[in-house]
Amino acid sequence: MNNYQKILLFNKDQILSDHLWSTESINEIISSFIFDSSFNCLESLVFYTIESDVVMSVLPKLTYLPRLLSLTIDTWYNLKDLADIYQLIFNLPKLKYIQFTAMESNDYDIT
């Protein structure tokens, strides 16, 4: 368990917001981490340059967050995943704000 995982694990009930920048280790942590109702204060999540397969694996877990009001996702996209990603986003029960940016390798923005 690395330091980031320890911080998340031992401070679940105190974290209000988390901003994550994609690296190989962060993608691995996000994919393996259990987001559940014990993150009872978490209101905002920001994922920068996260891989679309990681987005697909983490979004269903976010439905268990009782106070998730704001979600920002910046990803490289695969066209076949976009409809599924939108459906998963709209399943988040408390969400009030969403910023979803999907970029192609030629930098066309689909916001």
PDB file of N, CA and C in Angstrom:
ATOM      1  N   MET A   1       0.851  -1.175   0.000  1.00  0.00           N
ATOM      2  CA  MET A   1       0.000   0.000   0.000  1.00  0.00           C
ATOM      3  C   MET A   1       0.899   1.240   0.000  1.00  0.00           C
ATOM      4  N   ASN A   2       0.682   2.123  -0.965  1.00  0.00           N
ATOM      5  CA  ASN A   2       1.514   3.322  -1.024  1.00  0.00           C
ATOM      6  C   ASN A   2       0.930   4.431  -0.139  1.00  0.00           C
ATOM      7  N   ASN A   3       1.640   5.547  -0.061  1.00  0.00           N
ATOM      8  CA  ASN A   3       1.226   6.646   0.824  1.00  0.00           C
ATOM      9  C   ASN A   3      -0.140   7.218   0.448  1.00  0.00           C
ATOM     10  N   TYR A   4      -0.399   7.345  -0.848  1.00  0.00           N
ATOM     11  CA  TYR A   4      -1.683   7.889  -1.284  1.00  0.00           C
ATOM     12  C   TYR A   4      -2.823   6.994  -0.823  1.00  0.00           C
ATOM     13  N   GLN A   5      -2.671   5.697  -0.987  1.00  0.00           N
ATOM     14  CA  GLN A   5      -3.702   4.756  -0.558  1.00  0.00           C
ATOM     15  C   GLN A   5      -3.906   4.820   0.952  1.00  0.00           C
ATOM     16  N   LYS A   6      -2.830   4.984   1.692  1.00  0.00           N
ATOM     17  CA  LYS A   6      -2.934   5.095   3.153  1.00  0.00           C
ATOM     18  C   LYS A   6      -3.710   6.352   3.549  1.00  0.00           C
ATOM     19  N   ILE A   7      -3.404   7.453   2.885  1.00  0.00           N
ATOM     20  CA  ILE A   7      -4.117   8.702   3.186  1.00  0.00           C
ATOM     21  C   ILE A   7      -5.609   8.524   2.936  1.00  0.00           C
ATOM     22  N   LEU A   8      -5.949   7.949   1.792  1.00  0.00           N
ATOM     23  CA  LEU A   8      -7.365   7.721   1.484  1.00  0.00           C
ATOM     24  C   LEU A   8      -8.017   6.791   2.489  1.00  0.00           C
ATOM     25  N   LEU A   9      -7.346   5.716   2.793  1.00  0.00           N
ATOM     26  CA  LEU A   9      -7.921   4.704   3.674  1.00  0.00           C
ATOM     27  C   LEU A   9      -8.172   5.230   5.083  1.00  0.00           C
ATOM     28  N   PHE A  10      -7.199   5.945   5.630  1.00  0.00           N
ATOM     29  CA  PHE A  10      -7.301   6.367   7.024  1.00  0.00           C
ATOM     30  C   PHE A  10      -8.007   7.710   7.226  1.00  0.00           C
ATOM     31  N   ASN A  11      -8.345   8.378   6.145  1.00  0.00           N
ATOM     32  CA  ASN A  11      -9.019   9.677   6.257  1.00  0.00           C
ATOM     33  C   ASN A  11     -10.306   9.740   5.449  1.00  0.00           C
ATOM     34  N   LYS A  12     -10.894   8.610   5.166  1.00  0.00           N
ATOM     35  CA  LYS A  12     -12.102   8.538   4.337  1.00  0.00           C
ATOM     36  C   LYS A  12     -13.191   9.495   4.790  1.00  0.00           C
ATOM     37  N   ASP A  13     -13.398   9.560   6.066  1.00  0.00           N
ATOM     38  CA  ASP A  13     -14.513  10.346   6.600  1.00  0.00           C
ATOM     39  C   ASP A  13     -14.208  11.840   6.713  1.00  0.00           C
ATOM     40  N   GLN A  14     -13.003  12.266   6.283  1.00  0.00           N
ATOM     41  CA  GLN A  14     -12.628  13.674   6.380  1.00  0.00           C
ATOM     42  C   GLN A  14     -12.356  14.327   5.025  1.00  0.00           C
ATOM     43  N   ILE A  15     -12.307  13.546   3.972  1.00  0.00           N
ATOM     44  CA  ILE A  15     -11.952  14.066   2.652  1.00  0.00           C
ATOM     45  C   ILE A  15     -13.174  14.708   1.998  1.00  0.00           C
ATOM     46  N   LEU A  16     -13.036  15.991   1.631  1.00  0.00           N
ATOM     47  CA  LEU A  16     -14.110  16.725   0.960  1.00  0.00           C
ATOM     48  C   LEU A  16     -13.956  16.703  -0.554  1.00  0.00           C
ATOM     49  N   SER A  17     -12.708  16.728  -1.012  1.00  0.00           N
ATOM     50  CA  SER A  17     -12.444  16.820  -2.438  1.00  0.00           C
ATOM     51  C   SER A  17     -11.146  16.101  -2.755  1.00  0.00           C
ATOM     52  N   ASP A  18     -11.079  15.530  -3.940  1.00  0.00           N
ATOM     53  CA  ASP A  18      -9.862  14.847  -4.363  1.00  0.00           C
ATOM     54  C   ASP A  18      -9.627  15.144  -5.840  1.00  0.00           C
ATOM     55  N   HIS A  19      -8.427  15.609  -6.153  1.00  0.00           N
ATOM     56  CA  HIS A  19      -8.023  15.889  -7.530  1.00  0.00           C
ATOM     57  C   HIS A  19      -6.930  14.902  -7.890  1.00  0.00           C
ATOM     58  N   LEU A  20      -7.152  14.139  -8.941  1.00  0.00           N
ATOM     59  CA  LEU A  20      -6.210  13.099  -9.330  1.00  0.00           C
ATOM     60  C   LEU A  20      -5.712  13.331 -10.745  1.00  0.00           C
ATOM     61  N   TRP A  21      -4.393  13.331 -10.910  1.00  0.00           N
ATOM     62  CA  TRP A  21      -3.783  13.431 -12.221  1.00  0.00           C
ATOM     63  C   TRP A  21      -3.320  12.050 -12.613  1.00  0.00           C
ATOM     64  N   SER A  22      -3.564  11.715 -13.834  1.00  0.00           N
ATOM     65  CA  SER A  22      -3.293  10.365 -14.295  1.00  0.00           C
ATOM     66  C   SER A  22      -1.804  10.070 -14.396  1.00  0.00           C
ATOM     67  N   THR A  23      -1.448   8.996 -13.783  1.00  0.00           N
ATOM     68  CA  THR A  23      -0.157   8.353 -13.973  1.00  0.00           C
ATOM     69  C   THR A  23      -0.472   6.873 -13.957  1.00  0.00           C
ATOM     70  N   GLU A  24       0.483   6.077 -14.296  1.00  0.00           N
ATOM     71  CA  GLU A  24       0.223   4.637 -14.290  1.00  0.00           C
ATOM     72  C   GLU A  24      -0.187   4.169 -12.900  1.00  0.00           C
ATOM     73  N   SER A  25       0.479   4.670 -11.868  1.00  0.00           N
ATOM     74  CA  SER A  25       0.153   4.233 -10.508  1.00  0.00           C
ATOM     75  C   SER A  25      -1.215   4.753 -10.056  1.00  0.00           C
ATOM     76  N   ILE A  26      -1.567   5.989 -10.417  1.00  0.00           N
ATOM     77  CA  ILE A  26      -2.880   6.525 -10.035  1.00  0.00           C
ATOM     78  C   ILE A  26      -3.991   5.744 -10.718  1.00  0.00           C
ATOM     79  N   ASN A  27      -3.820   5.421 -12.001  1.00  0.00           N
ATOM     80  CA  ASN A  27      -4.830   4.616 -12.698  1.00  0.00           C
ATOM     81  C   ASN A  27      -5.017   3.276 -12.003  1.00  0.00           C
ATOM     82  N   GLU A  28      -3.935   2.687 -11.566  1.00  0.00           N
ATOM     83  CA  GLU A  28      -4.002   1.409 -10.847  1.00  0.00           C
ATOM     84  C   GLU A  28      -4.703   1.578  -9.497  1.00  0.00           C
ATOM     85  N   ILE A  29      -4.378   2.638  -8.778  1.00  0.00           N
ATOM     86  CA  ILE A  29      -4.998   2.905  -7.473  1.00  0.00           C
ATOM     87  C   ILE A  29      -6.495   3.136  -7.638  1.00  0.00           C
ATOM     88  N   ILE A  30      -6.860   3.983  -8.592  1.00  0.00           N
ATOM     89  CA  ILE A  30      -8.272   4.299  -8.807  1.00  0.00           C
ATOM     90  C   ILE A  30      -9.054   3.040  -9.160  1.00  0.00           C
ATOM     91  N   SER A  31      -8.494   2.229 -10.035  1.00  0.00           N
ATOM     92  CA  SER A  31      -9.184   1.009 -10.459  1.00  0.00           C
ATOM     93  C   SER A  31      -9.384   0.033  -9.315  1.00  0.00           C
ATOM     94  N   SER A  32      -8.426  -0.022  -8.407  1.00  0.00           N
ATOM     95  CA  SER A  32      -8.495  -1.010  -7.330  1.00  0.00           C
ATOM     96  C   SER A  32      -9.175  -0.485  -6.065  1.00  0.00           C
ATOM     97  N   PHE A  33      -9.348   0.834  -5.963  1.00  0.00           N
ATOM     98  CA  PHE A  33      -9.860   1.396  -4.722  1.00  0.00           C
ATOM     99  C   PHE A  33     -11.365   1.224  -4.599  1.00  0.00           C
ATOM    100  N   ILE A  34     -11.824   1.009  -3.396  1.00  0.00           N
ATOM    101  CA  ILE A  34     -13.247   0.822  -3.131  1.00  0.00           C
ATOM    102  C   ILE A  34     -13.837   2.147  -2.647  1.00  0.00           C
ATOM    103  N   PHE A  35     -14.607   2.782  -3.521  1.00  0.00           N
ATOM    104  CA  PHE A  35     -15.342   3.981  -3.132  1.00  0.00           C
ATOM    105  C   PHE A  35     -16.665   3.502  -2.561  1.00  0.00           C
ATOM    106  N   ASP A  36     -16.921   3.829  -1.297  1.00  0.00           N
ATOM    107  CA  ASP A  36     -18.168   3.391  -0.674  1.00  0.00           C
ATOM    108  C   ASP A  36     -18.702   4.487   0.241  1.00  0.00           C
ATOM    109  N   SER A  37     -19.755   4.186   0.956  1.00  0.00           N
ATOM    110  CA  SER A  37     -20.410   5.196   1.784  1.00  0.00           C
ATOM    111  C   SER A  37     -19.556   5.679   2.952  1.00  0.00           C
ATOM    112  N   SER A  38     -18.433   5.023   3.215  1.00  0.00           N
ATOM    113  CA  SER A  38     -17.553   5.513   4.283  1.00  0.00           C
ATOM    114  C   SER A  38     -16.870   6.828   3.886  1.00  0.00           C
ATOM    115  N   PHE A  39     -16.884   7.174   2.604  1.00  0.00           N
ATOM    116  CA  PHE A  39     -16.426   8.495   2.165  1.00  0.00           C
ATOM    117  C   PHE A  39     -17.600   9.457   2.320  1.00  0.00           C
ATOM    118  N   ASN A  40     -18.064   9.611   3.530  1.00  0.00           N
ATOM    119  CA  ASN A  40     -19.313  10.331   3.774  1.00  0.00           C
ATOM    120  C   ASN A  40     -19.215  11.849   3.630  1.00  0.00           C
ATOM    121  N   CYS A  41     -18.031  12.403   3.471  1.00  0.00           N
ATOM    122  CA  CYS A  41     -17.883  13.851   3.274  1.00  0.00           C
ATOM    123  C   CYS A  41     -17.444  14.212   1.854  1.00  0.00           C
ATOM    124  N   LEU A  42     -17.100  13.230   1.064  1.00  0.00           N
ATOM    125  CA  LEU A  42     -16.570  13.486  -0.273  1.00  0.00           C
ATOM    126  C   LEU A  42     -17.640  14.092  -1.177  1.00  0.00           C
ATOM    127  N   GLU A  43     -17.406  15.343  -1.585  1.00  0.00           N
ATOM    128  CA  GLU A  43     -18.368  16.073  -2.405  1.00  0.00           C
ATOM    129  C   GLU A  43     -17.880  16.338  -3.819  1.00  0.00           C
ATOM    130  N   SER A  44     -16.574  16.271  -4.027  1.00  0.00           N
ATOM    131  CA  SER A  44     -16.033  16.638  -5.331  1.00  0.00           C
ATOM    132  C   SER A  44     -14.884  15.717  -5.723  1.00  0.00           C
ATOM    133  N   LEU A  45     -14.930  15.237  -6.953  1.00  0.00           N
ATOM    134  CA  LEU A  45     -13.844  14.440  -7.513  1.00  0.00           C
ATOM    135  C   LEU A  45     -13.441  15.036  -8.848  1.00  0.00           C
ATOM    136  N   VAL A  46     -12.131  15.108  -9.070  1.00  0.00           N
ATOM    137  CA  VAL A  46     -11.602  15.601 -10.335  1.00  0.00           C
ATOM    138  C   VAL A  46     -10.587  14.584 -10.830  1.00  0.00           C
ATOM    139  N   PHE A  47     -10.794  14.101 -12.042  1.00  0.00           N
ATOM    140  CA  PHE A  47      -9.870  13.165 -12.680  1.00  0.00           C
ATOM    141  C   PHE A  47      -9.317  13.833 -13.935  1.00  0.00           C
ATOM    142  N   TYR A  48      -7.997  14.075 -13.957  1.00  0.00           N
ATOM    143  CA  TYR A  48      -7.358  14.673 -15.125  1.00  0.00           C
ATOM    144  C   TYR A  48      -6.624  13.606 -15.920  1.00  0.00           C
ATOM    145  N   THR A  49      -6.804  13.618 -17.205  1.00  0.00           N
ATOM    146  CA  THR A  49      -6.184  12.703 -18.168  1.00  0.00           C
ATOM    147  C   THR A  49      -6.269  11.243 -17.731  1.00  0.00           C
ATOM    148  N   ILE A  50      -7.429  10.856 -17.303  1.00  0.00           N
ATOM    149  CA  ILE A  50      -7.673   9.487 -16.879  1.00  0.00           C
ATOM    150  C   ILE A  50      -8.026   8.648 -18.116  1.00  0.00           C
ATOM    151  N   GLU A  51      -7.601   7.417 -18.133  1.00  0.00           N
ATOM    152  CA  GLU A  51      -7.890   6.532 -19.260  1.00  0.00           C
ATOM    153  C   GLU A  51      -9.367   6.146 -19.253  1.00  0.00           C
ATOM    154  N   SER A  52      -9.942   5.986 -20.438  1.00  0.00           N
ATOM    155  CA  SER A  52     -11.380   5.716 -20.527  1.00  0.00           C
ATOM    156  C   SER A  52     -11.761   4.389 -19.879  1.00  0.00           C
ATOM    157  N   ASP A  53     -10.885   3.387 -19.921  1.00  0.00           N
ATOM    158  CA  ASP A  53     -11.219   2.118 -19.263  1.00  0.00           C
ATOM    159  C   ASP A  53     -11.243   2.269 -17.748  1.00  0.00           C
ATOM    160  N   VAL A  54     -10.420   3.170 -17.223  1.00  0.00           N
ATOM    161  CA  VAL A  54     -10.436   3.444 -15.781  1.00  0.00           C
ATOM    162  C   VAL A  54     -11.722   4.189 -15.427  1.00  0.00           C
ATOM    163  N   VAL A  55     -12.130   5.129 -16.274  1.00  0.00           N
ATOM    164  CA  VAL A  55     -13.402   5.833 -16.067  1.00  0.00           C
ATOM    165  C   VAL A  55     -14.539   4.824 -16.003  1.00  0.00           C
ATOM    166  N   MET A  56     -14.547   3.893 -16.937  1.00  0.00           N
ATOM    167  CA  MET A  56     -15.607   2.877 -16.989  1.00  0.00           C
ATOM    168  C   MET A  56     -15.620   2.008 -15.730  1.00  0.00           C
ATOM    169  N   SER A  57     -14.460   1.741 -15.162  1.00  0.00           N
ATOM    170  CA  SER A  57     -14.416   0.895 -13.965  1.00  0.00           C
ATOM    171  C   SER A  57     -14.765   1.654 -12.686  1.00  0.00           C
ATOM    172  N   VAL A  58     -14.472   2.959 -12.641  1.00  0.00           N
ATOM    173  CA  VAL A  58     -14.686   3.707 -11.401  1.00  0.00           C
ATOM    174  C   VAL A  58     -16.091   4.316 -11.302  1.00  0.00           C
ATOM    175  N   LEU A  59     -16.706   4.694 -12.404  1.00  0.00           N
ATOM    176  CA  LEU A  59     -18.017   5.357 -12.339  1.00  0.00           C
ATOM    177  C   LEU A  59     -19.085   4.546 -11.606  1.00  0.00           C
ATOM    178  N   PRO A  60     -19.219   3.253 -11.824  1.00  0.00           N
ATOM    179  CA  PRO A  60     -20.231   2.507 -11.059  1.00  0.00           C
ATOM    180  C   PRO A  60     -19.982   2.542  -9.551  1.00  0.00           C
ATOM    181  N   LYS A  61     -18.719   2.622  -9.147  1.00  0.00           N
ATOM    182  CA  LYS A  61     -18.382   2.670  -7.720  1.00  0.00           C
ATOM    183  C   LYS A  61     -18.815   3.992  -7.087  1.00  0.00           C
ATOM    184  N   LEU A  62     -18.870   5.044  -7.887  1.00  0.00           N
ATOM    185  CA  LEU A  62     -19.196   6.370  -7.355  1.00  0.00           C
ATOM    186  C   LEU A  62     -20.655   6.505  -6.941  1.00  0.00           C
ATOM    187  N   THR A  63     -21.509   5.598  -7.365  1.00  0.00           N
ATOM    188  CA  THR A  63     -22.921   5.660  -6.966  1.00  0.00           C
ATOM    189  C   THR A  63     -23.090   5.459  -5.467  1.00  0.00           C
ATOM    190  N   TYR A  64     -22.091   4.892  -4.812  1.00  0.00           N
ATOM    191  CA  TYR A  64     -22.160   4.638  -3.370  1.00  0.00           C
ATOM    192  C   TYR A  64     -21.726   5.836  -2.527  1.00  0.00           C
ATOM    193  N   LEU A  65     -21.248   6.885  -3.171  1.00  0.00           N
ATOM    194  CA  LEU A  65     -20.812   8.069  -2.430  1.00  0.00           C
ATOM    195  C   LEU A  65     -22.032   8.920  -2.091  1.00  0.00           C
ATOM    196  N   PRO A  66     -22.343   9.073  -0.807  1.00  0.00           N
ATOM    197  CA  PRO A  66     -23.593   9.722  -0.406  1.00  0.00           C
ATOM    198  C   PRO A  66     -23.665  11.224  -0.670  1.00  0.00           C
ATOM    199  N   ARG A  67     -22.508  11.884  -0.866  1.00  0.00           N
ATOM    200  CA  ARG A  67     -22.524  13.348  -1.023  1.00  0.00           C
ATOM    201  C   ARG A  67     -21.772  13.830  -2.256  1.00  0.00           C
ATOM    202  N   LEU A  68     -21.559  12.974  -3.224  1.00  0.00           N
ATOM    203  CA  LEU A  68     -20.823  13.390  -4.419  1.00  0.00           C
ATOM    204  C   LEU A  68     -21.682  14.344  -5.249  1.00  0.00           C
ATOM    205  N   LEU A  69     -21.336  15.621  -5.181  1.00  0.00           N
ATOM    206  CA  LEU A  69     -22.103  16.665  -5.857  1.00  0.00           C
ATOM    207  C   LEU A  69     -21.455  17.138  -7.151  1.00  0.00           C
ATOM    208  N   SER A  70     -20.136  17.019  -7.235  1.00  0.00           N
ATOM    209  CA  SER A  70     -19.408  17.569  -8.369  1.00  0.00           C
ATOM    210  C   SER A  70     -18.411  16.543  -8.903  1.00  0.00           C
ATOM    211  N   LEU A  71     -18.392  16.402 -10.218  1.00  0.00           N
ATOM    212  CA  LEU A  71     -17.490  15.453 -10.859  1.00  0.00           C
ATOM    213  C   LEU A  71     -16.905  16.090 -12.108  1.00  0.00           C
ATOM    214  N   THR A  72     -15.588  16.068 -12.205  1.00  0.00           N
ATOM    215  CA  THR A  72     -14.893  16.560 -13.388  1.00  0.00           C
ATOM    216  C   THR A  72     -14.034  15.427 -13.927  1.00  0.00           C
ATOM    217  N   ILE A  73     -14.197  15.146 -15.205  1.00  0.00           N
ATOM    218  CA  ILE A  73     -13.432  14.078 -15.847  1.00  0.00           C
ATOM    219  C   ILE A  73     -12.832  14.623 -17.132  1.00  0.00           C
ATOM    220  N   ASP A  74     -11.534  14.444 -17.281  1.00  0.00           N
ATOM    221  CA  ASP A  74     -10.812  14.796 -18.497  1.00  0.00           C
ATOM    222  C   ASP A  74     -10.177  13.500 -18.986  1.00  0.00           C
ATOM    223  N   THR A  75     -10.579  13.025 -20.155  1.00  0.00           N
ATOM    224  CA  THR A  75     -10.118  11.720 -20.611  1.00  0.00           C
ATOM    225  C   THR A  75      -9.794  11.721 -22.097  1.00  0.00           C
ATOM    226  N   TRP A  76      -8.993  10.754 -22.495  1.00  0.00           N
ATOM    227  CA  TRP A  76      -8.841  10.406 -23.904  1.00  0.00           C
ATOM    228  C   TRP A  76      -9.918   9.388 -24.146  1.00  0.00           C
ATOM    229  N   TYR A  77     -10.659   9.520 -25.218  1.00  0.00           N
ATOM    230  CA  TYR A  77     -11.818   8.664 -25.359  1.00  0.00           C
ATOM    231  C   TYR A  77     -11.715   7.661 -26.493  1.00  0.00           C
ATOM    232  N   ASN A  78     -12.519   6.647 -26.326  1.00  0.00           N
ATOM    233  CA  ASN A  78     -12.777   5.653 -27.344  1.00  0.00           C
ATOM    234  C   ASN A  78     -14.257   5.826 -27.674  1.00  0.00           C
ATOM    235  N   LEU A  79     -14.594   6.072 -28.924  1.00  0.00           N
ATOM    236  CA  LEU A  79     -15.979   6.392 -29.294  1.00  0.00           C
ATOM    237  C   LEU A  79     -17.000   5.395 -28.768  1.00  0.00           C
ATOM    238  N   LYS A  80     -16.659   4.127 -28.734  1.00  0.00           N
ATOM    239  CA  LYS A  80     -17.627   3.126 -28.288  1.00  0.00           C
ATOM    240  C   LYS A  80     -17.939   3.256 -26.802  1.00  0.00           C
ATOM    241  N   ASP A  81     -17.048   3.878 -26.031  1.00  0.00           N
ATOM    242  CA  ASP A  81     -17.257   4.020 -24.593  1.00  0.00           C
ATOM    243  C   ASP A  81     -18.085   5.245 -24.211  1.00  0.00           C
ATOM    244  N   LEU A  82     -18.198   6.234 -25.082  1.00  0.00           N
ATOM    245  CA  LEU A  82     -18.836   7.495 -24.698  1.00  0.00           C
ATOM    246  C   LEU A  82     -20.280   7.322 -24.234  1.00  0.00           C
ATOM    247  N   ALA A  83     -21.083   6.573 -24.955  1.00  0.00           N
ATOM    248  CA  ALA A  83     -22.488   6.379 -24.559  1.00  0.00           C
ATOM    249  C   ALA A  83     -22.574   5.695 -23.205  1.00  0.00           C
ATOM    250  N   ASP A  84     -21.719   4.708 -22.978  1.00  0.00           N
ATOM    251  CA  ASP A  84     -21.711   4.009 -21.689  1.00  0.00           C
ATOM    252  C   ASP A  84     -21.273   4.938 -20.564  1.00  0.00           C
ATOM    253  N   ILE A  85     -20.285   5.776 -20.835  1.00  0.00           N
ATOM    254  CA  ILE A  85     -19.804   6.723 -19.824  1.00  0.00           C
ATOM    255  C   ILE A  85     -20.911   7.709 -19.458  1.00  0.00           C
ATOM    256  N   TYR A  86     -21.600   8.259 -20.458  1.00  0.00           N
ATOM    257  CA  TYR A  86     -22.702   9.185 -20.173  1.00  0.00           C
ATOM    258  C   TYR A  86     -23.786   8.512 -19.338  1.00  0.00           C
ATOM    259  N   GLN A  87     -24.127   7.290 -19.671  1.00  0.00           N
ATOM    260  CA  GLN A  87     -25.160   6.574 -18.916  1.00  0.00           C
ATOM    261  C   GLN A  87     -24.733   6.390 -17.464  1.00  0.00           C
ATOM    262  N   LEU A  88     -23.472   6.042 -17.238  1.00  0.00           N
ATOM    263  CA  LEU A  88     -22.975   5.857 -15.873  1.00  0.00           C
ATOM    264  C   LEU A  88     -22.965   7.178 -15.103  1.00  0.00           C
ATOM    265  N   ILE A  89     -22.616   8.266 -15.781  1.00  0.00           N
ATOM    266  CA  ILE A  89     -22.621   9.582 -15.128  1.00  0.00           C
ATOM    267  C   ILE A  89     -24.034   9.944 -14.674  1.00  0.00           C
ATOM    268  N   PHE A  90     -25.019   9.724 -15.527  1.00  0.00           N
ATOM    269  CA  PHE A  90     -26.393  10.094 -15.190  1.00  0.00           C
ATOM    270  C   PHE A  90     -27.012   9.177 -14.141  1.00  0.00           C
ATOM    271  N   ASN A  91     -26.346   8.101 -13.798  1.00  0.00           N
ATOM    272  CA  ASN A  91     -26.803   7.220 -12.714  1.00  0.00           C
ATOM    273  C   ASN A  91     -26.324   7.679 -11.339  1.00  0.00           C
ATOM    274  N   LEU A  92     -25.490   8.705 -11.290  1.00  0.00           N
ATOM    275  CA  LEU A  92     -24.981   9.193 -10.006  1.00  0.00           C
ATOM    276  C   LEU A  92     -26.087  10.003  -9.328  1.00  0.00           C
ATOM    277  N   PRO A  93     -26.592   9.541  -8.193  1.00  0.00           N
ATOM    278  CA  PRO A  93     -27.831  10.074  -7.616  1.00  0.00           C
ATOM    279  C   PRO A  93     -27.777  11.509  -7.097  1.00  0.00           C
ATOM    280  N   LYS A  94     -26.674  11.965  -6.560  1.00  0.00           N
ATOM    281  CA  LYS A  94     -26.615  13.295  -5.937  1.00  0.00           C
ATOM    282  C   LYS A  94     -25.912  14.343  -6.792  1.00  0.00           C
ATOM    283  N   LEU A  95     -25.427  13.954  -7.945  1.00  0.00           N
ATOM    284  CA  LEU A  95     -24.605  14.825  -8.771  1.00  0.00           C
ATOM    285  C   LEU A  95     -25.352  16.089  -9.196  1.00  0.00           C
ATOM    286  N   LYS A  96     -24.746  17.252  -8.925  1.00  0.00           N
ATOM    287  CA  LYS A  96     -25.311  18.550  -9.301  1.00  0.00           C
ATOM    288  C   LYS A  96     -24.504  19.205 -10.423  1.00  0.00           C
ATOM    289  N   TYR A  97     -23.222  18.846 -10.526  1.00  0.00           N
ATOM    290  CA  TYR A  97     -22.331  19.468 -11.505  1.00  0.00           C
ATOM    291  C   TYR A  97     -21.480  18.388 -12.158  1.00  0.00           C
ATOM    292  N   ILE A  98     -21.401  18.444 -13.482  1.00  0.00           N
ATOM    293  CA  ILE A  98     -20.520  17.537 -14.209  1.00  0.00           C
ATOM    294  C   ILE A  98     -19.776  18.326 -15.276  1.00  0.00           C
ATOM    295  N   GLN A  99     -18.479  18.103 -15.352  1.00  0.00           N
ATOM    296  CA  GLN A  99     -17.695  18.603 -16.476  1.00  0.00           C
ATOM    297  C   GLN A  99     -16.982  17.388 -17.041  1.00  0.00           C
ATOM    298  N   PHE A 100     -17.353  17.015 -18.241  1.00  0.00           N
ATOM    299  CA  PHE A 100     -16.779  15.842 -18.880  1.00  0.00           C
ATOM    300  C   PHE A 100     -16.128  16.287 -20.177  1.00  0.00           C
ATOM    301  N   THR A 101     -14.830  16.119 -20.270  1.00  0.00           N
ATOM    302  CA  THR A 101     -14.095  16.479 -21.468  1.00  0.00           C
ATOM    303  C   THR A 101     -13.435  15.224 -22.009  1.00  0.00           C
ATOM    304  N   ALA A 102     -13.750  14.896 -23.249  1.00  0.00           N
ATOM    305  CA  ALA A 102     -13.151  13.740 -23.906  1.00  0.00           C
ATOM    306  C   ALA A 102     -12.389  14.247 -25.118  1.00  0.00           C
ATOM    307  N   MET A 103     -11.115  13.982 -25.143  1.00  0.00           N
ATOM    308  CA  MET A 103     -10.269  14.479 -26.224  1.00  0.00           C
ATOM    309  C   MET A 103      -9.799  13.326 -27.099  1.00  0.00           C
ATOM    310  N   GLU A 104      -9.801  13.579 -28.397  1.00  0.00           N
ATOM    311  CA  GLU A 104      -9.212  12.654 -29.344  1.00  0.00           C
ATOM    312  C   GLU A 104      -7.739  12.993 -29.467  1.00  0.00           C
ATOM    313  N   SER A 105      -6.997  12.122 -30.063  1.00  0.00           N
ATOM    314  CA  SER A 105      -5.573  12.382 -30.218  1.00  0.00           C
ATOM    315  C   SER A 105      -5.307  13.605 -31.092  1.00  0.00           C
ATOM    316  N   ASN A 106      -6.262  13.997 -31.946  1.00  0.00           N
ATOM    317  CA  ASN A 106      -6.061  15.197 -32.761  1.00  0.00           C
ATOM    318  C   ASN A 106      -6.672  16.438 -32.105  1.00  0.00           C
ATOM    319  N   ASP A 107      -6.964  16.344 -30.800  1.00  0.00           N
ATOM    320  CA  ASP A 107      -7.354  17.481 -29.965  1.00  0.00           C
ATOM    321  C   ASP A 107      -8.716  18.098 -30.275  1.00  0.00           C
ATOM    322  N   TYR A 108      -9.656  17.349 -30.780  1.00  0.00           N
ATOM    323  CA  TYR A 108     -11.019  17.854 -30.887  1.00  0.00           C
ATOM    324  C   TYR A 108     -11.694  17.657 -29.548  1.00  0.00           C
ATOM    325  N   ASP A 109     -12.312  18.679 -29.050  1.00  0.00           N
ATOM    326  CA  ASP A 109     -12.931  18.661 -27.728  1.00  0.00           C
ATOM    327  C   ASP A 109     -14.404  18.282 -27.838  1.00  0.00           C
ATOM    328  N   ILE A 110     -14.822  17.284 -27.055  1.00  0.00           N
ATOM    329  CA  ILE A 110     -16.235  16.889 -26.993  1.00  0.00           C
ATOM    330  C   ILE A 110     -16.679  17.114 -25.560  1.00  0.00           C
ATOM    331  N   THR A 111     -17.175  18.292 -25.262  1.00  0.00           N
ATOM    332  CA  THR A 111     -17.577  18.614 -23.898  1.00  0.00           C
ATOM    333  C   THR A 111     -19.081  18.640 -23.791  1.00  0.00           C
TER     334      THR A 111
END
